[in-house]
Amino acid sequence: MKGEISLRKKSLISKGFFGLTWICIGVIRIFQSNIILDLISIVIIILGIVAQLISYFVKTQKEDEMSDNNEYKSKSTVYELLVIIISLCIGVSTVKGIWTINLGIIIPILLGMVNLLEFILFNYYEKIGD
């Protein structure tokens, strides 16, 4: 049908672009805050919100059982990686005796990586099939 976007494009908008948005916010937070960086952050956040809204309101292809399965597989893989990364961080902090991670910087980057990896893996599974 005309006017529909594919599931891959929807994934690109809702996961890929949104992931890049959060990674950019995390990278901006590394630098010293000033008016220009704050304005760039606001613009990036607005673009991310618009992208999310577009992915929900634009008509997309109907999701079939295989695309649902691919989405579940991609989320499962990403969350397994996330558990491994968090476990490693906790292990290192236990050995060192101190937690030296700035969560204000790490959480946006981690959230962006999760979304970006979900996008990449979903497209990978859609392309290769089962």
N, C-alpha and C. Protein backbone atom coordinates (compact mmCIF):
# COMPACT_ATOMS: atom_id res chain seq x y z
N MET A 1 0.83 -1.18 0.00
CA MET A 1 0.00 0.00 0.00
C MET A 1 0.87 1.25 0.00
N LYS A 2 0.36 2.26 -0.64
CA LYS A 2 1.09 3.52 -0.67
C LYS A 2 0.92 4.24 0.67
N GLY A 3 1.97 4.87 1.12
CA GLY A 3 1.92 5.60 2.37
C GLY A 3 2.33 4.79 3.58
N GLU A 4 2.60 3.50 3.39
CA GLU A 4 3.08 2.68 4.49
C GLU A 4 4.60 2.68 4.51
N ILE A 5 5.14 2.59 5.70
CA ILE A 5 6.60 2.40 5.79
C ILE A 5 6.85 0.95 6.21
N SER A 6 8.01 0.46 5.82
CA SER A 6 8.35 -0.93 6.14
C SER A 6 8.72 -1.04 7.62
N LEU A 7 8.74 -2.27 8.09
CA LEU A 7 9.12 -2.51 9.49
C LEU A 7 10.57 -2.13 9.74
N ARG A 8 11.41 -2.30 8.72
CA ARG A 8 12.81 -1.91 8.87
C ARG A 8 12.95 -0.39 9.03
N LYS A 9 12.17 0.37 8.23
CA LYS A 9 12.23 1.83 8.35
C LYS A 9 11.68 2.28 9.70
N LYS A 10 10.62 1.60 10.15
CA LYS A 10 10.08 1.94 11.46
C LYS A 10 11.12 1.67 12.54
N SER A 11 11.83 0.55 12.40
CA SER A 11 12.88 0.22 13.35
C SER A 11 14.01 1.26 13.29
N LEU A 12 14.33 1.70 12.08
CA LEU A 12 15.37 2.73 11.92
C LEU A 12 14.98 4.00 12.65
N ILE A 13 13.73 4.41 12.50
CA ILE A 13 13.27 5.65 13.13
C ILE A 13 13.14 5.50 14.64
N SER A 14 12.46 4.42 15.08
CA SER A 14 12.15 4.30 16.50
C SER A 14 13.32 3.77 17.34
N LYS A 15 14.19 2.97 16.77
CA LYS A 15 15.30 2.41 17.54
C LYS A 15 16.64 3.01 17.13
N GLY A 16 16.93 3.00 15.82
CA GLY A 16 18.23 3.47 15.34
C GLY A 16 18.46 4.95 15.60
N PHE A 17 17.53 5.78 15.13
CA PHE A 17 17.69 7.22 15.30
C PHE A 17 17.59 7.61 16.77
N PHE A 18 16.69 6.95 17.50
CA PHE A 18 16.53 7.25 18.92
C PHE A 18 17.79 6.85 19.69
N GLY A 19 18.41 5.74 19.31
CA GLY A 19 19.66 5.33 19.93
C GLY A 19 20.77 6.33 19.68
N LEU A 20 20.88 6.77 18.43
CA LEU A 20 21.89 7.78 18.11
C LEU A 20 21.65 9.09 18.87
N THR A 21 20.39 9.43 19.05
CA THR A 21 20.04 10.62 19.82
C THR A 21 20.60 10.53 21.24
N TRP A 22 20.38 9.40 21.90
CA TRP A 22 20.85 9.26 23.28
C TRP A 22 22.37 9.18 23.36
N ILE A 23 22.99 8.55 22.37
CA ILE A 23 24.45 8.51 22.36
C ILE A 23 25.01 9.92 22.23
N CYS A 24 24.42 10.74 21.36
CA CYS A 24 24.85 12.14 21.21
C CYS A 24 24.68 12.91 22.51
N ILE A 25 23.56 12.70 23.20
CA ILE A 25 23.34 13.38 24.48
C ILE A 25 24.42 12.97 25.48
N GLY A 26 24.76 11.68 25.54
CA GLY A 26 25.81 11.21 26.44
C GLY A 26 27.15 11.81 26.13
N VAL A 27 27.48 11.89 24.83
CA VAL A 27 28.76 12.48 24.44
C VAL A 27 28.79 13.97 24.78
N ILE A 28 27.70 14.67 24.57
CA ILE A 28 27.64 16.10 24.90
C ILE A 28 27.84 16.30 26.41
N ARG A 29 27.32 15.36 27.22
CA ARG A 29 27.46 15.49 28.67
C ARG A 29 28.90 15.32 29.15
N ILE A 30 29.75 14.75 28.32
CA ILE A 30 31.15 14.59 28.69
C ILE A 30 31.82 15.96 28.82
N PHE A 31 31.43 16.89 27.93
CA PHE A 31 32.04 18.21 27.90
C PHE A 31 31.41 19.13 28.93
N GLN A 32 32.12 20.19 29.26
CA GLN A 32 31.64 21.17 30.22
C GLN A 32 30.39 21.85 29.68
N SER A 33 29.37 21.94 30.49
CA SER A 33 28.09 22.51 30.06
C SER A 33 28.21 24.01 29.78
N ASN A 34 27.67 24.43 28.65
CA ASN A 34 27.54 25.85 28.34
C ASN A 34 26.27 26.04 27.51
N ILE A 35 25.96 27.27 27.17
CA ILE A 35 24.69 27.57 26.49
C ILE A 35 24.59 26.86 25.15
N ILE A 36 25.66 26.84 24.39
CA ILE A 36 25.62 26.23 23.05
C ILE A 36 25.35 24.73 23.16
N LEU A 37 26.05 24.06 24.07
CA LEU A 37 25.84 22.62 24.24
C LEU A 37 24.43 22.32 24.77
N ASP A 38 23.93 23.18 25.65
CA ASP A 38 22.57 23.00 26.15
C ASP A 38 21.55 23.14 25.02
N LEU A 39 21.74 24.12 24.14
CA LEU A 39 20.83 24.29 23.01
C LEU A 39 20.91 23.11 22.04
N ILE A 40 22.13 22.63 21.80
CA ILE A 40 22.29 21.46 20.93
C ILE A 40 21.59 20.25 21.55
N SER A 41 21.72 20.09 22.86
CA SER A 41 21.05 18.98 23.55
C SER A 41 19.54 19.06 23.41
N ILE A 42 19.00 20.27 23.57
CA ILE A 42 17.55 20.46 23.46
C ILE A 42 17.08 20.13 22.05
N VAL A 43 17.81 20.58 21.05
CA VAL A 43 17.44 20.29 19.65
C VAL A 43 17.49 18.79 19.38
N ILE A 44 18.53 18.13 19.88
CA ILE A 44 18.66 16.68 19.68
C ILE A 44 17.52 15.94 20.37
N ILE A 45 17.17 16.35 21.57
CA ILE A 45 16.06 15.71 22.29
C ILE A 45 14.75 15.92 21.55
N ILE A 46 14.52 17.12 21.04
CA ILE A 46 13.29 17.39 20.28
C ILE A 46 13.23 16.53 19.01
N LEU A 47 14.36 16.40 18.31
CA LEU A 47 14.41 15.54 17.12
C LEU A 47 14.12 14.08 17.48
N GLY A 48 14.65 13.63 18.61
CA GLY A 48 14.39 12.25 19.06
C GLY A 48 12.93 12.03 19.39
N ILE A 49 12.31 13.00 20.04
CA ILE A 49 10.89 12.89 20.37
C ILE A 49 10.05 12.88 19.11
N VAL A 50 10.38 13.74 18.16
CA VAL A 50 9.65 13.79 16.88
C VAL A 50 9.78 12.45 16.15
N ALA A 51 10.98 11.89 16.14
CA ALA A 51 11.20 10.59 15.48
C ALA A 51 10.36 9.50 16.14
N GLN A 52 10.31 9.49 17.45
CA GLN A 52 9.48 8.51 18.15
C GLN A 52 8.01 8.69 17.81
N LEU A 53 7.54 9.92 17.78
CA LEU A 53 6.14 10.17 17.46
C LEU A 53 5.82 9.76 16.02
N ILE A 54 6.74 10.03 15.11
CA ILE A 54 6.53 9.64 13.71
C ILE A 54 6.37 8.13 13.60
N SER A 55 7.22 7.40 14.31
CA SER A 55 7.17 5.94 14.21
C SER A 55 5.87 5.37 14.77
N TYR A 56 5.21 6.07 15.67
CA TYR A 56 3.95 5.58 16.21
C TYR A 56 2.73 6.02 15.42
N PHE A 57 2.80 7.16 14.75
CA PHE A 57 1.63 7.67 14.07
C PHE A 57 1.60 7.40 12.57
N VAL A 58 2.72 7.04 11.98
CA VAL A 58 2.75 6.74 10.55
C VAL A 58 2.34 5.29 10.36
N LYS A 59 1.55 5.05 9.33
CA LYS A 59 1.07 3.71 9.05
C LYS A 59 2.23 2.83 8.60
N THR A 60 2.34 1.65 9.20
CA THR A 60 3.43 0.73 8.85
C THR A 60 2.86 -0.59 8.36
N GLN A 61 3.76 -1.39 7.81
CA GLN A 61 3.35 -2.73 7.40
C GLN A 61 2.86 -3.50 8.62
N LYS A 62 1.98 -4.44 8.35
CA LYS A 62 1.47 -5.25 9.44
C LYS A 62 2.58 -6.18 9.94
N GLU A 63 2.72 -6.24 11.25
CA GLU A 63 3.74 -7.11 11.83
C GLU A 63 3.25 -8.54 11.79
N ASP A 64 4.09 -9.43 11.28
CA ASP A 64 3.73 -10.83 11.24
C ASP A 64 4.44 -11.57 12.37
N GLU A 65 4.21 -12.85 12.45
CA GLU A 65 4.79 -13.65 13.52
C GLU A 65 6.31 -13.67 13.46
N MET A 66 6.85 -13.69 12.26
CA MET A 66 8.32 -13.72 12.10
C MET A 66 8.95 -12.41 12.56
N SER A 67 8.34 -11.28 12.23
CA SER A 67 8.91 -10.00 12.66
C SER A 67 8.82 -9.85 14.18
N ASP A 68 7.72 -10.34 14.78
CA ASP A 68 7.63 -10.33 16.24
C ASP A 68 8.73 -11.18 16.85
N ASN A 69 8.95 -12.37 16.27
CA ASN A 69 9.99 -13.26 16.76
C ASN A 69 11.37 -12.61 16.63
N ASN A 70 11.62 -11.94 15.51
CA ASN A 70 12.91 -11.26 15.31
C ASN A 70 13.10 -10.12 16.30
N GLU A 71 12.03 -9.42 16.60
CA GLU A 71 12.12 -8.34 17.59
C GLU A 71 12.43 -8.91 18.98
N TYR A 72 11.77 -10.00 19.34
CA TYR A 72 12.02 -10.62 20.64
C TYR A 72 13.45 -11.15 20.72
N LYS A 73 13.94 -11.75 19.63
CA LYS A 73 15.32 -12.26 19.61
C LYS A 73 16.33 -11.12 19.77
N SER A 74 16.09 -10.01 19.07
CA SER A 74 17.03 -8.89 19.16
C SER A 74 17.03 -8.30 20.57
N LYS A 75 15.85 -8.15 21.18
CA LYS A 75 15.79 -7.63 22.54
C LYS A 75 16.46 -8.58 23.52
N SER A 76 16.23 -9.87 23.35
CA SER A 76 16.82 -10.86 24.23
C SER A 76 18.35 -10.81 24.16
N THR A 77 18.88 -10.73 22.96
CA THR A 77 20.33 -10.68 22.79
C THR A 77 20.92 -9.41 23.42
N VAL A 78 20.26 -8.29 23.19
CA VAL A 78 20.76 -7.02 23.75
C VAL A 78 20.72 -7.04 25.27
N TYR A 79 19.64 -7.55 25.84
CA TYR A 79 19.55 -7.54 27.29
C TYR A 79 20.51 -8.54 27.94
N GLU A 80 20.82 -9.63 27.24
CA GLU A 80 21.85 -10.54 27.74
C GLU A 80 23.21 -9.83 27.76
N LEU A 81 23.52 -9.09 26.70
CA LEU A 81 24.77 -8.31 26.67
C LEU A 81 24.79 -7.26 27.77
N LEU A 82 23.66 -6.63 28.00
CA LEU A 82 23.56 -5.60 29.04
C LEU A 82 23.83 -6.20 30.42
N VAL A 83 23.29 -7.37 30.69
CA VAL A 83 23.53 -8.05 31.97
C VAL A 83 25.01 -8.37 32.12
N ILE A 84 25.64 -8.82 31.05
CA ILE A 84 27.07 -9.14 31.11
C ILE A 84 27.89 -7.89 31.41
N ILE A 85 27.57 -6.79 30.73
CA ILE A 85 28.31 -5.54 30.93
C ILE A 85 28.14 -5.03 32.36
N ILE A 86 26.91 -5.04 32.85
CA ILE A 86 26.67 -4.57 34.22
C ILE A 86 27.36 -5.48 35.23
N SER A 87 27.34 -6.77 34.98
CA SER A 87 28.02 -7.71 35.88
C SER A 87 29.52 -7.45 35.91
N LEU A 88 30.10 -7.19 34.74
CA LEU A 88 31.53 -6.87 34.70
C LEU A 88 31.84 -5.59 35.48
N CYS A 89 31.00 -4.58 35.30
CA CYS A 89 31.21 -3.32 36.04
C CYS A 89 31.12 -3.54 37.54
N ILE A 90 30.16 -4.33 37.97
CA ILE A 90 30.02 -4.61 39.40
C ILE A 90 31.22 -5.42 39.89
N GLY A 91 31.67 -6.37 39.09
CA GLY A 91 32.84 -7.16 39.46
C GLY A 91 34.08 -6.30 39.61
N VAL A 92 34.30 -5.40 38.67
CA VAL A 92 35.46 -4.50 38.75
C VAL A 92 35.34 -3.58 39.95
N SER A 93 34.16 -3.06 40.22
CA SER A 93 34.00 -2.17 41.38
C SER A 93 34.18 -2.92 42.69
N THR A 94 33.82 -4.21 42.71
CA THR A 94 34.01 -5.01 43.92
C THR A 94 35.49 -5.22 44.19
N VAL A 95 36.23 -5.52 43.14
CA VAL A 95 37.67 -5.75 43.29
C VAL A 95 38.38 -4.46 43.68
N LYS A 96 38.01 -3.35 43.02
CA LYS A 96 38.65 -2.07 43.32
C LYS A 96 38.15 -1.47 44.63
N GLY A 97 36.95 -1.85 45.05
CA GLY A 97 36.40 -1.31 46.28
C GLY A 97 35.74 0.04 46.12
N ILE A 98 35.59 0.51 44.87
CA ILE A 98 34.98 1.82 44.63
C ILE A 98 34.26 1.80 43.30
N TRP A 99 33.17 2.52 43.22
CA TRP A 99 32.38 2.64 42.00
C TRP A 99 32.77 3.97 41.35
N THR A 100 33.44 3.93 40.21
CA THR A 100 33.99 5.14 39.62
C THR A 100 33.32 5.52 38.31
N ILE A 101 32.05 5.22 38.16
CA ILE A 101 31.35 5.50 36.91
C ILE A 101 30.42 6.69 37.13
N ASN A 102 30.50 7.66 36.22
CA ASN A 102 29.59 8.80 36.26
C ASN A 102 28.31 8.41 35.54
N LEU A 103 27.25 8.14 36.29
CA LEU A 103 26.00 7.65 35.69
C LEU A 103 25.33 8.68 34.81
N GLY A 104 25.56 9.95 35.05
CA GLY A 104 24.98 11.00 34.21
C GLY A 104 25.49 10.95 32.77
N ILE A 105 26.68 10.41 32.60
CA ILE A 105 27.26 10.27 31.26
C ILE A 105 26.98 8.87 30.71
N ILE A 106 27.12 7.87 31.53
CA ILE A 106 27.02 6.48 31.07
C ILE A 106 25.59 6.08 30.71
N ILE A 107 24.60 6.49 31.47
CA ILE A 107 23.23 6.02 31.22
C ILE A 107 22.70 6.46 29.84
N PRO A 108 22.87 7.72 29.41
CA PRO A 108 22.40 8.04 28.05
C PRO A 108 23.14 7.25 26.97
N ILE A 109 24.44 7.06 27.15
CA ILE A 109 25.19 6.29 26.16
C ILE A 109 24.74 4.83 26.16
N LEU A 110 24.52 4.27 27.34
CA LEU A 110 24.07 2.89 27.46
C LEU A 110 22.66 2.73 26.87
N LEU A 111 21.77 3.66 27.16
CA LEU A 111 20.42 3.62 26.59
C LEU A 111 20.48 3.72 25.06
N GLY A 112 21.33 4.58 24.56
CA GLY A 112 21.49 4.71 23.12
C GLY A 112 22.05 3.45 22.49
N MET A 113 23.04 2.84 23.15
CA MET A 113 23.61 1.59 22.63
C MET A 113 22.56 0.48 22.61
N VAL A 114 21.74 0.40 23.65
CA VAL A 114 20.69 -0.63 23.70
C VAL A 114 19.75 -0.45 22.52
N ASN A 115 19.27 0.76 22.28
CA ASN A 115 18.36 1.02 21.17
C ASN A 115 19.02 0.76 19.82
N LEU A 116 20.26 1.20 19.68
CA LEU A 116 20.97 1.02 18.42
C LEU A 116 21.24 -0.46 18.14
N LEU A 117 21.63 -1.21 19.16
CA LEU A 117 21.85 -2.64 18.98
C LEU A 117 20.55 -3.38 18.67
N GLU A 118 19.44 -2.97 19.29
CA GLU A 118 18.15 -3.58 18.95
C GLU A 118 17.83 -3.34 17.48
N PHE A 119 18.09 -2.14 17.00
CA PHE A 119 17.85 -1.83 15.59
C PHE A 119 18.72 -2.69 14.68
N ILE A 120 20.01 -2.77 14.99
CA ILE A 120 20.94 -3.53 14.15
C ILE A 120 20.58 -5.01 14.15
N LEU A 121 20.33 -5.57 15.32
CA LEU A 121 20.01 -6.99 15.39
C LEU A 121 18.66 -7.31 14.76
N PHE A 122 17.67 -6.45 14.94
CA PHE A 122 16.37 -6.69 14.31
C PHE A 122 16.53 -6.73 12.79
N ASN A 123 17.25 -5.79 12.23
CA ASN A 123 17.46 -5.78 10.78
C ASN A 123 18.28 -6.97 10.33
N TYR A 124 19.24 -7.37 11.13
CA TYR A 124 20.03 -8.55 10.81
C TYR A 124 19.15 -9.79 10.77
N TYR A 125 18.32 -9.98 11.81
CA TYR A 125 17.45 -11.15 11.85
C TYR A 125 16.39 -11.11 10.75
N GLU A 126 15.91 -9.91 10.41
CA GLU A 126 14.94 -9.79 9.32
C GLU A 126 15.58 -10.17 8.00
N LYS A 127 16.85 -9.81 7.84
CA LYS A 127 17.53 -10.07 6.57
C LYS A 127 17.88 -11.54 6.39
N ILE A 128 18.43 -12.17 7.45
CA ILE A 128 18.87 -13.55 7.30
C ILE A 128 17.77 -14.57 7.58
N GLY A 129 16.71 -14.14 8.24
CA GLY A 129 15.65 -15.10 8.59
C GLY A 129 16.08 -15.96 9.75
N ASP A 130 15.45 -17.11 9.88
CA ASP A 130 15.74 -17.99 11.02
C ASP A 130 16.76 -19.02 10.70
